[in-house]
Full PDB file with SEQRES, HELIX, SHEET, SSBOND, CRYST1, ORIGX, SCALE, CONECT and MASTER records, all heavy atoms in Angstrom:
SEQRES   1 A   29  ARG GLY THR ALA ARG ASP VAL ALA GLU ARG MET GLY LEU          
SEQRES   2 A   29  LEU PRO ARG LEU ARG ARG LEU HIS VAL ASP THR ARG ARG          
SEQRES   3 A   29  ILE THR PHE                                                  
HELIX    1 AA1 THR A    3  ARG A   10  1                                   8    
HELIX    2 AA2 LEU A   14  LEU A   20  1                                   7    
CRYST1    1.000    1.000    1.000  90.00  90.00  90.00 P 1           1          
ORIGX1      1.000000  0.000000  0.000000        0.00000                         
ORIGX2      0.000000  1.000000  0.000000        0.00000                         
ORIGX3      0.000000  0.000000  1.000000        0.00000                         
SCALE1      1.000000  0.000000  0.000000        0.00000                         
SCALE2      0.000000  1.000000  0.000000        0.00000                         
SCALE3      0.000000  0.000000  1.000000        0.00000                         
ATOM      1  N   ARG A   1      15.378  20.521  22.974  1.00  0.00           N  
ATOM      2  CA  ARG A   1      14.790  20.773  24.285  1.00  0.00           C  
ATOM      3  C   ARG A   1      14.321  22.215  24.422  1.00  0.00           C  
ATOM      4  O   ARG A   1      14.792  23.112  23.735  1.00  0.00           O  
ATOM      5  CB  ARG A   1      15.823  20.525  25.398  1.00  0.00           C  
ATOM      6  CG  ARG A   1      16.534  19.202  25.379  1.00  0.00           C  
ATOM      7  CD  ARG A   1      17.429  19.101  26.619  1.00  0.00           C  
ATOM      8  NE  ARG A   1      18.360  17.993  26.521  1.00  0.00           N  
ATOM      9  CZ  ARG A   1      19.681  18.101  26.552  1.00  0.00           C  
ATOM     10  NH1 ARG A   1      20.239  19.296  26.684  1.00  0.00           N  
ATOM     11  NH2 ARG A   1      20.439  17.036  26.466  1.00  0.00           N  
ATOM     12  N   GLY A   2      13.418  22.409  25.359  1.00  0.00           N  
ATOM     13  CA  GLY A   2      13.058  23.757  25.775  1.00  0.00           C  
ATOM     14  C   GLY A   2      12.591  24.642  24.638  1.00  0.00           C  
ATOM     15  O   GLY A   2      11.671  24.310  23.883  1.00  0.00           O  
ATOM     16  N   THR A   3      13.232  25.792  24.506  1.00  0.00           N  
ATOM     17  CA  THR A   3      12.845  26.773  23.502  1.00  0.00           C  
ATOM     18  C   THR A   3      12.959  26.199  22.096  1.00  0.00           C  
ATOM     19  O   THR A   3      12.141  26.527  21.222  1.00  0.00           O  
ATOM     20  CB  THR A   3      13.723  28.028  23.636  1.00  0.00           C  
ATOM     21  OG1 THR A   3      13.645  28.522  24.986  1.00  0.00           O  
ATOM     22  CG2 THR A   3      13.274  29.114  22.688  1.00  0.00           C  
ATOM     23  N   ALA A   4      13.940  25.346  21.851  1.00  0.00           N  
ATOM     24  CA  ALA A   4      14.103  24.757  20.517  1.00  0.00           C  
ATOM     25  C   ALA A   4      12.916  23.874  20.156  1.00  0.00           C  
ATOM     26  O   ALA A   4      12.526  23.795  18.985  1.00  0.00           O  
ATOM     27  CB  ALA A   4      15.396  23.953  20.450  1.00  0.00           C  
ATOM     28  N   ARG A   5      12.332  23.201  21.131  1.00  0.00           N  
ATOM     29  CA  ARG A   5      11.144  22.402  20.862  1.00  0.00           C  
ATOM     30  C   ARG A   5      10.002  23.302  20.405  1.00  0.00           C  
ATOM     31  O   ARG A   5       9.206  22.930  19.529  1.00  0.00           O  
ATOM     32  CB  ARG A   5      10.745  21.610  22.101  1.00  0.00           C  
ATOM     33  CG  ARG A   5       9.589  20.641  21.858  1.00  0.00           C  
ATOM     34  CD  ARG A   5       9.101  20.024  23.154  1.00  0.00           C  
ATOM     35  NE  ARG A   5       8.000  19.099  22.933  1.00  0.00           N  
ATOM     36  CZ  ARG A   5       6.731  19.457  22.748  1.00  0.00           C  
ATOM     37  NH1 ARG A   5       6.416  20.746  22.760  1.00  0.00           N  
ATOM     38  NH2 ARG A   5       5.796  18.543  22.564  1.00  0.00           N  
ATOM     39  N   ASP A   6       9.898  24.500  20.988  1.00  0.00           N  
ATOM     40  CA  ASP A   6       8.874  25.450  20.555  1.00  0.00           C  
ATOM     41  C   ASP A   6       9.082  25.853  19.101  1.00  0.00           C  
ATOM     42  O   ASP A   6       8.119  26.020  18.344  1.00  0.00           O  
ATOM     43  CB  ASP A   6       8.899  26.687  21.448  1.00  0.00           C  
ATOM     44  CG  ASP A   6       8.541  26.378  22.897  1.00  0.00           C  
ATOM     45  OD1 ASP A   6       7.885  25.342  23.132  1.00  0.00           O  
ATOM     46  OD2 ASP A   6       8.930  27.165  23.785  1.00  0.00           O  
ATOM     47  N   VAL A   7      10.353  26.015  18.700  1.00  0.00           N  
ATOM     48  CA  VAL A   7      10.652  26.332  17.301  1.00  0.00           C  
ATOM     49  C   VAL A   7      10.198  25.191  16.392  1.00  0.00           C  
ATOM     50  O   VAL A   7       9.551  25.406  15.358  1.00  0.00           O  
ATOM     51  CB  VAL A   7      12.157  26.607  17.104  1.00  0.00           C  
ATOM     52  CG1 VAL A   7      12.480  26.791  15.621  1.00  0.00           C  
ATOM     53  CG2 VAL A   7      12.588  27.836  17.881  1.00  0.00           C  
ATOM     54  N   ALA A   8      10.552  23.951  16.774  1.00  0.00           N  
ATOM     55  CA  ALA A   8      10.156  22.792  15.973  1.00  0.00           C  
ATOM     56  C   ALA A   8       8.642  22.706  15.837  1.00  0.00           C  
ATOM     57  O   ALA A   8       8.109  22.355  14.774  1.00  0.00           O  
ATOM     58  CB  ALA A   8      10.714  21.513  16.597  1.00  0.00           C  
ATOM     59  N   GLU A   9       7.933  23.045  16.918  1.00  0.00           N  
ATOM     60  CA  GLU A   9       6.470  23.023  16.864  1.00  0.00           C  
ATOM     61  C   GLU A   9       5.944  24.055  15.886  1.00  0.00           C  
ATOM     62  O   GLU A   9       5.022  23.787  15.101  1.00  0.00           O  
ATOM     63  CB  GLU A   9       5.903  23.265  18.258  1.00  0.00           C  
ATOM     64  CG  GLU A   9       4.391  23.163  18.334  1.00  0.00           C  
ATOM     65  CD  GLU A   9       3.870  23.255  19.751  1.00  0.00           C  
ATOM     66  OE1 GLU A   9       4.601  23.765  20.630  1.00  0.00           O  
ATOM     67  OE2 GLU A   9       2.726  22.805  19.979  1.00  0.00           O  
ATOM     68  N   ARG A  10       6.511  25.263  15.896  1.00  0.00           N  
ATOM     69  CA  ARG A  10       6.070  26.307  14.978  1.00  0.00           C  
ATOM     70  C   ARG A  10       6.410  25.965  13.528  1.00  0.00           C  
ATOM     71  O   ARG A  10       5.772  26.470  12.602  1.00  0.00           O  
ATOM     72  CB  ARG A  10       6.697  27.647  15.378  1.00  0.00           C  
ATOM     73  CG  ARG A  10       6.224  28.140  16.735  1.00  0.00           C  
ATOM     74  CD  ARG A  10       6.691  29.543  17.062  1.00  0.00           C  
ATOM     75  NE  ARG A  10       6.377  29.887  18.447  1.00  0.00           N  
ATOM     76  CZ  ARG A  10       6.515  31.096  18.965  1.00  0.00           C  
ATOM     77  NH1 ARG A  10       6.965  32.103  18.222  1.00  0.00           N  
ATOM     78  NH2 ARG A  10       6.200  31.323  20.235  1.00  0.00           N  
ATOM     79  N   MET A  11       7.388  25.104  13.324  1.00  0.00           N  
ATOM     80  CA  MET A  11       7.736  24.660  11.972  1.00  0.00           C  
ATOM     81  C   MET A  11       6.854  23.503  11.503  1.00  0.00           C  
ATOM     82  O   MET A  11       6.952  23.077  10.349  1.00  0.00           O  
ATOM     83  CB  MET A  11       9.213  24.235  11.921  1.00  0.00           C  
ATOM     84  CG  MET A  11      10.188  25.335  12.243  1.00  0.00           C  
ATOM     85  SD  MET A  11      11.910  24.772  12.294  1.00  0.00           S  
ATOM     86  CE  MET A  11      12.362  24.917  10.576  1.00  0.00           C  
ATOM     87  N   GLY A  12       6.040  22.966  12.398  1.00  0.00           N  
ATOM     88  CA  GLY A  12       5.190  21.842  12.049  1.00  0.00           C  
ATOM     89  C   GLY A  12       5.903  20.516  12.022  1.00  0.00           C  
ATOM     90  O   GLY A  12       5.415  19.545  11.420  1.00  0.00           O  
ATOM     91  N   LEU A  13       7.049  20.423  12.713  1.00  0.00           N  
ATOM     92  CA  LEU A  13       7.878  19.218  12.645  1.00  0.00           C  
ATOM     93  C   LEU A  13       7.620  18.221  13.765  1.00  0.00           C  
ATOM     94  O   LEU A  13       8.126  17.096  13.718  1.00  0.00           O  
ATOM     95  CB  LEU A  13       9.363  19.612  12.682  1.00  0.00           C  
ATOM     96  CG  LEU A  13       9.940  20.254  11.429  1.00  0.00           C  
ATOM     97  CD1 LEU A  13      11.390  20.664  11.677  1.00  0.00           C  
ATOM     98  CD2 LEU A  13       9.856  19.309  10.242  1.00  0.00           C  
ATOM     99  N   LEU A  14       6.860  18.601  14.789  1.00  0.00           N  
ATOM    100  CA  LEU A  14       6.754  17.727  15.956  1.00  0.00           C  
ATOM    101  C   LEU A  14       6.216  16.332  15.639  1.00  0.00           C  
ATOM    102  O   LEU A  14       6.760  15.341  16.148  1.00  0.00           O  
ATOM    103  CB  LEU A  14       5.902  18.393  17.039  1.00  0.00           C  
ATOM    104  CG  LEU A  14       6.577  19.488  17.855  1.00  0.00           C  
ATOM    105  CD1 LEU A  14       5.695  19.887  19.032  1.00  0.00           C  
ATOM    106  CD2 LEU A  14       7.942  19.063  18.360  1.00  0.00           C  
ATOM    107  N   PRO A  15       5.176  16.167  14.824  1.00  0.00           N  
ATOM    108  CA  PRO A  15       4.708  14.804  14.544  1.00  0.00           C  
ATOM    109  C   PRO A  15       5.787  13.909  13.945  1.00  0.00           C  
ATOM    110  O   PRO A  15       5.948  12.754  14.358  1.00  0.00           O  
ATOM    111  CB  PRO A  15       3.543  15.024  13.573  1.00  0.00           C  
ATOM    112  CG  PRO A  15       3.045  16.400  13.894  1.00  0.00           C  
ATOM    113  CD  PRO A  15       4.274  17.185  14.219  1.00  0.00           C  
ATOM    114  N   ARG A  16       6.539  14.423  12.990  1.00  0.00           N  
ATOM    115  CA  ARG A  16       7.590  13.610  12.366  1.00  0.00           C  
ATOM    116  C   ARG A  16       8.737  13.357  13.333  1.00  0.00           C  
ATOM    117  O   ARG A  16       9.268  12.243  13.406  1.00  0.00           O  
ATOM    118  CB  ARG A  16       8.105  14.300  11.105  1.00  0.00           C  
ATOM    119  CG  ARG A  16       9.147  13.473  10.342  1.00  0.00           C  
ATOM    120  CD  ARG A  16       9.488  14.110   9.025  1.00  0.00           C  
ATOM    121  NE  ARG A  16      10.586  13.396   8.373  1.00  0.00           N  
ATOM    122  CZ  ARG A  16      11.160  13.786   7.228  1.00  0.00           C  
ATOM    123  NH1 ARG A  16      10.703  14.875   6.604  1.00  0.00           N  
ATOM    124  NH2 ARG A  16      12.169  13.102   6.714  1.00  0.00           N  
ATOM    125  N   LEU A  17       9.109  14.363  14.110  1.00  0.00           N  
ATOM    126  CA  LEU A  17      10.205  14.188  15.058  1.00  0.00           C  
ATOM    127  C   LEU A  17       9.829  13.200  16.158  1.00  0.00           C  
ATOM    128  O   LEU A  17      10.680  12.454  16.640  1.00  0.00           O  
ATOM    129  CB  LEU A  17      10.603  15.533  15.659  1.00  0.00           C  
ATOM    130  CG  LEU A  17      11.273  16.524  14.694  1.00  0.00           C  
ATOM    131  CD1 LEU A  17      11.514  17.858  15.383  1.00  0.00           C  
ATOM    132  CD2 LEU A  17      12.573  15.960  14.143  1.00  0.00           C  
ATOM    133  N   ARG A  18       8.575  13.190  16.550  1.00  0.00           N  
ATOM    134  CA  ARG A  18       8.146  12.193  17.550  1.00  0.00           C  
ATOM    135  C   ARG A  18       8.318  10.779  17.000  1.00  0.00           C  
ATOM    136  O   ARG A  18       8.690   9.859  17.735  1.00  0.00           O  
ATOM    137  CB  ARG A  18       6.697  12.446  17.951  1.00  0.00           C  
ATOM    138  CG  ARG A  18       6.488  13.676  18.835  1.00  0.00           C  
ATOM    139  CD  ARG A  18       5.098  13.662  19.450  1.00  0.00           C  
ATOM    140  NE  ARG A  18       4.823  14.900  20.171  1.00  0.00           N  
ATOM    141  CZ  ARG A  18       4.052  15.880  19.700  1.00  0.00           C  
ATOM    142  NH1 ARG A  18       3.488  15.769  18.504  1.00  0.00           N  
ATOM    143  NH2 ARG A  18       3.848  16.970  20.425  1.00  0.00           N  
ATOM    144  N   ARG A  19       8.019  10.586  15.707  1.00  0.00           N  
ATOM    145  CA  ARG A  19       8.190   9.260  15.114  1.00  0.00           C  
ATOM    146  C   ARG A  19       9.658   8.870  15.042  1.00  0.00           C  
ATOM    147  O   ARG A  19       9.998   7.688  15.069  1.00  0.00           O  
ATOM    148  CB  ARG A  19       7.568   9.229  13.713  1.00  0.00           C  
ATOM    149  CG  ARG A  19       6.055   9.354  13.698  1.00  0.00           C  
ATOM    150  CD  ARG A  19       5.479   8.988  12.348  1.00  0.00           C  
ATOM    151  NE  ARG A  19       5.932   9.872  11.289  1.00  0.00           N  
ATOM    152  CZ  ARG A  19       5.309  11.000  10.940  1.00  0.00           C  
ATOM    153  NH1 ARG A  19       4.209  11.400  11.597  1.00  0.00           N  
ATOM    154  NH2 ARG A  19       5.765  11.755   9.956  1.00  0.00           N  
ATOM    155  N   LEU A  20      10.543   9.862  14.948  1.00  0.00           N  
ATOM    156  CA  LEU A  20      11.971   9.602  14.829  1.00  0.00           C  
ATOM    157  C   LEU A  20      12.677   9.570  16.185  1.00  0.00           C  
ATOM    158  O   LEU A  20      13.877   9.278  16.244  1.00  0.00           O  
ATOM    159  CB  LEU A  20      12.618  10.680  13.947  1.00  0.00           C  
ATOM    160  CG  LEU A  20      12.182  10.689  12.478  1.00  0.00           C  
ATOM    161  CD1 LEU A  20      12.655  11.974  11.801  1.00  0.00           C  
ATOM    162  CD2 LEU A  20      12.719   9.467  11.743  1.00  0.00           C  
ATOM    163  N   HIS A  21      11.957   9.870  17.242  1.00  0.00           N  
ATOM    164  CA  HIS A  21      12.519   9.929  18.596  1.00  0.00           C  
ATOM    165  C   HIS A  21      13.185   8.600  18.957  1.00  0.00           C  
ATOM    166  O   HIS A  21      12.566   7.533  18.839  1.00  0.00           O  
ATOM    167  CB  HIS A  21      11.392  10.239  19.578  1.00  0.00           C  
ATOM    168  CG  HIS A  21      11.808  10.355  20.999  1.00  0.00           C  
ATOM    169  ND1 HIS A  21      12.807  11.199  21.426  1.00  0.00           N  
ATOM    170  CD2 HIS A  21      11.346   9.735  22.122  1.00  0.00           C  
ATOM    171  CE1 HIS A  21      12.928  11.108  22.741  1.00  0.00           C  
ATOM    172  NE2 HIS A  21      12.061  10.217  23.180  1.00  0.00           N  
ATOM    173  N   VAL A  22      14.457   8.642  19.379  1.00  0.00           N  
ATOM    174  CA  VAL A  22      15.189   7.404  19.667  1.00  0.00           C  
ATOM    175  C   VAL A  22      15.082   6.986  21.134  1.00  0.00           C  
ATOM    176  O   VAL A  22      15.373   5.840  21.474  1.00  0.00           O  
ATOM    177  CB  VAL A  22      16.670   7.516  19.258  1.00  0.00           C  
ATOM    178  CG1 VAL A  22      16.793   7.770  17.778  1.00  0.00           C  
ATOM    179  CG2 VAL A  22      17.392   8.596  20.055  1.00  0.00           C  
ATOM    180  N   ASP A  23      14.704   7.885  22.014  1.00  0.00           N  
ATOM    181  CA  ASP A  23      14.331   7.538  23.379  1.00  0.00           C  
ATOM    182  C   ASP A  23      15.404   6.762  24.132  1.00  0.00           C  
ATOM    183  O   ASP A  23      15.217   5.605  24.519  1.00  0.00           O  
ATOM    184  CB  ASP A  23      13.029   6.734  23.378  1.00  0.00           C  
ATOM    185  CG  ASP A  23      12.447   6.577  24.784  1.00  0.00           C  
ATOM    186  OD1 ASP A  23      12.800   7.392  25.655  1.00  0.00           O  
ATOM    187  OD2 ASP A  23      11.663   5.629  25.003  1.00  0.00           O  
ATOM    188  N   THR A  24      16.566   7.397  24.326  1.00  0.00           N  
ATOM    189  CA  THR A  24      17.583   6.787  25.184  1.00  0.00           C  
ATOM    190  C   THR A  24      17.040   6.709  26.611  1.00  0.00           C  
ATOM    191  O   THR A  24      16.638   7.717  27.185  1.00  0.00           O  
ATOM    192  CB  THR A  24      18.882   7.613  25.166  1.00  0.00           C  
ATOM    193  OG1 THR A  24      19.394   7.634  23.833  1.00  0.00           O  
ATOM    194  CG2 THR A  24      19.916   7.005  26.097  1.00  0.00           C  
ATOM    195  N   ARG A  25      17.025   5.513  27.163  1.00  0.00           N  
ATOM    196  CA  ARG A  25      16.340   5.286  28.436  1.00  0.00           C  
ATOM    197  C   ARG A  25      17.285   5.157  29.631  1.00  0.00           C  
ATOM    198  O   ARG A  25      16.846   5.235  30.770  1.00  0.00           O  
ATOM    199  CB  ARG A  25      15.480   4.027  28.332  1.00  0.00           C  
ATOM    200  CG  ARG A  25      14.401   4.152  27.258  1.00  0.00           C  
ATOM    201  CD  ARG A  25      13.685   2.842  27.017  1.00  0.00           C  
ATOM    202  NE  ARG A  25      12.702   2.990  25.940  1.00  0.00           N  
ATOM    203  CZ  ARG A  25      11.998   1.985  25.433  1.00  0.00           C  
ATOM    204  NH1 ARG A  25      12.177   0.757  25.906  1.00  0.00           N  
ATOM    205  NH2 ARG A  25      11.141   2.199  24.455  1.00  0.00           N  
ATOM    206  N   ARG A  26      18.562   4.942  29.355  1.00  0.00           N  
ATOM    207  CA  ARG A  26      19.455   4.689  30.484  1.00  0.00           C  
ATOM    208  C   ARG A  26      20.896   5.023  30.097  1.00  0.00           C  
ATOM    209  O   ARG A  26      21.342   4.700  29.004  1.00  0.00           O  
ATOM    210  CB  ARG A  26      19.367   3.220  30.896  1.00  0.00           C  
ATOM    211  CG  ARG A  26      20.213   2.817  32.099  1.00  0.00           C  
ATOM    212  CD  ARG A  26      20.043   1.327  32.368  1.00  0.00           C  
ATOM    213  NE  ARG A  26      20.855   0.839  33.475  1.00  0.00           N  
ATOM    214  CZ  ARG A  26      20.462   0.837  34.747  1.00  0.00           C  
ATOM    215  NH1 ARG A  26      19.268   1.296  35.065  1.00  0.00           N  
ATOM    216  NH2 ARG A  26      21.258   0.376  35.709  1.00  0.00           N  
ATOM    217  N   ILE A  27      21.585   5.679  31.001  1.00  0.00           N  
ATOM    218  CA  ILE A  27      23.030   5.875  30.896  1.00  0.00           C  
ATOM    219  C   ILE A  27      23.665   5.196  32.102  1.00  0.00           C  
ATOM    220  O   ILE A  27      23.345   5.523  33.250  1.00  0.00           O  
ATOM    221  CB  ILE A  27      23.424   7.366  30.877  1.00  0.00           C  
ATOM    222  CG1 ILE A  27      22.726   8.092  29.732  1.00  0.00           C  
ATOM    223  CG2 ILE A  27      24.941   7.508  30.777  1.00  0.00           C  
ATOM    224  CD1 ILE A  27      23.152   7.649  28.352  1.00  0.00           C  
ATOM    225  N   THR A  28      24.549   4.235  31.846  1.00  0.00           N  
ATOM    226  CA  THR A  28      25.227   3.512  32.918  1.00  0.00           C  
ATOM    227  C   THR A  28      26.633   4.071  33.075  1.00  0.00           C  
ATOM    228  O   THR A  28      27.387   4.164  32.100  1.00  0.00           O  
ATOM    229  CB  THR A  28      25.294   2.010  32.596  1.00  0.00           C  
ATOM    230  OG1 THR A  28      23.957   1.498  32.484  1.00  0.00           O  
ATOM    231  CG2 THR A  28      26.022   1.256  33.712  1.00  0.00           C  
ATOM    232  N   PHE A  29      26.985   4.444  34.292  1.00  0.00           N  
ATOM    233  CA  PHE A  29      28.297   4.995  34.601  1.00  0.00           C  
ATOM    234  C   PHE A  29      29.177   3.891  35.186  1.00  0.00           C  
ATOM    235  O   PHE A  29      28.744   3.151  36.085  1.00  0.00           O  
ATOM    236  CB  PHE A  29      28.185   6.145  35.604  1.00  0.00           C  
ATOM    237  CG  PHE A  29      27.506   7.363  35.057  1.00  0.00           C  
ATOM    238  CD1 PHE A  29      26.122   7.443  35.011  1.00  0.00           C  
ATOM    239  CD2 PHE A  29      28.249   8.435  34.583  1.00  0.00           C  
ATOM    240  CE1 PHE A  29      25.486   8.568  34.505  1.00  0.00           C  
ATOM    241  CE2 PHE A  29      27.625   9.568  34.074  1.00  0.00           C  
ATOM    242  CZ  PHE A  29      26.235   9.632  34.033  1.00  0.00           C  
TER     243      PHE A  29                                                      
MASTER        0    0    0    2    0    0    0    6  242    1    0    3          
END                                                                             
């Protein structure tokens, strides 16, 4: 998140990380 995402972008990793994104959509309490 946040600043770390900027680091990942500068490393050129965003396209691959987007493909690996697991996208948790809901937390039930």
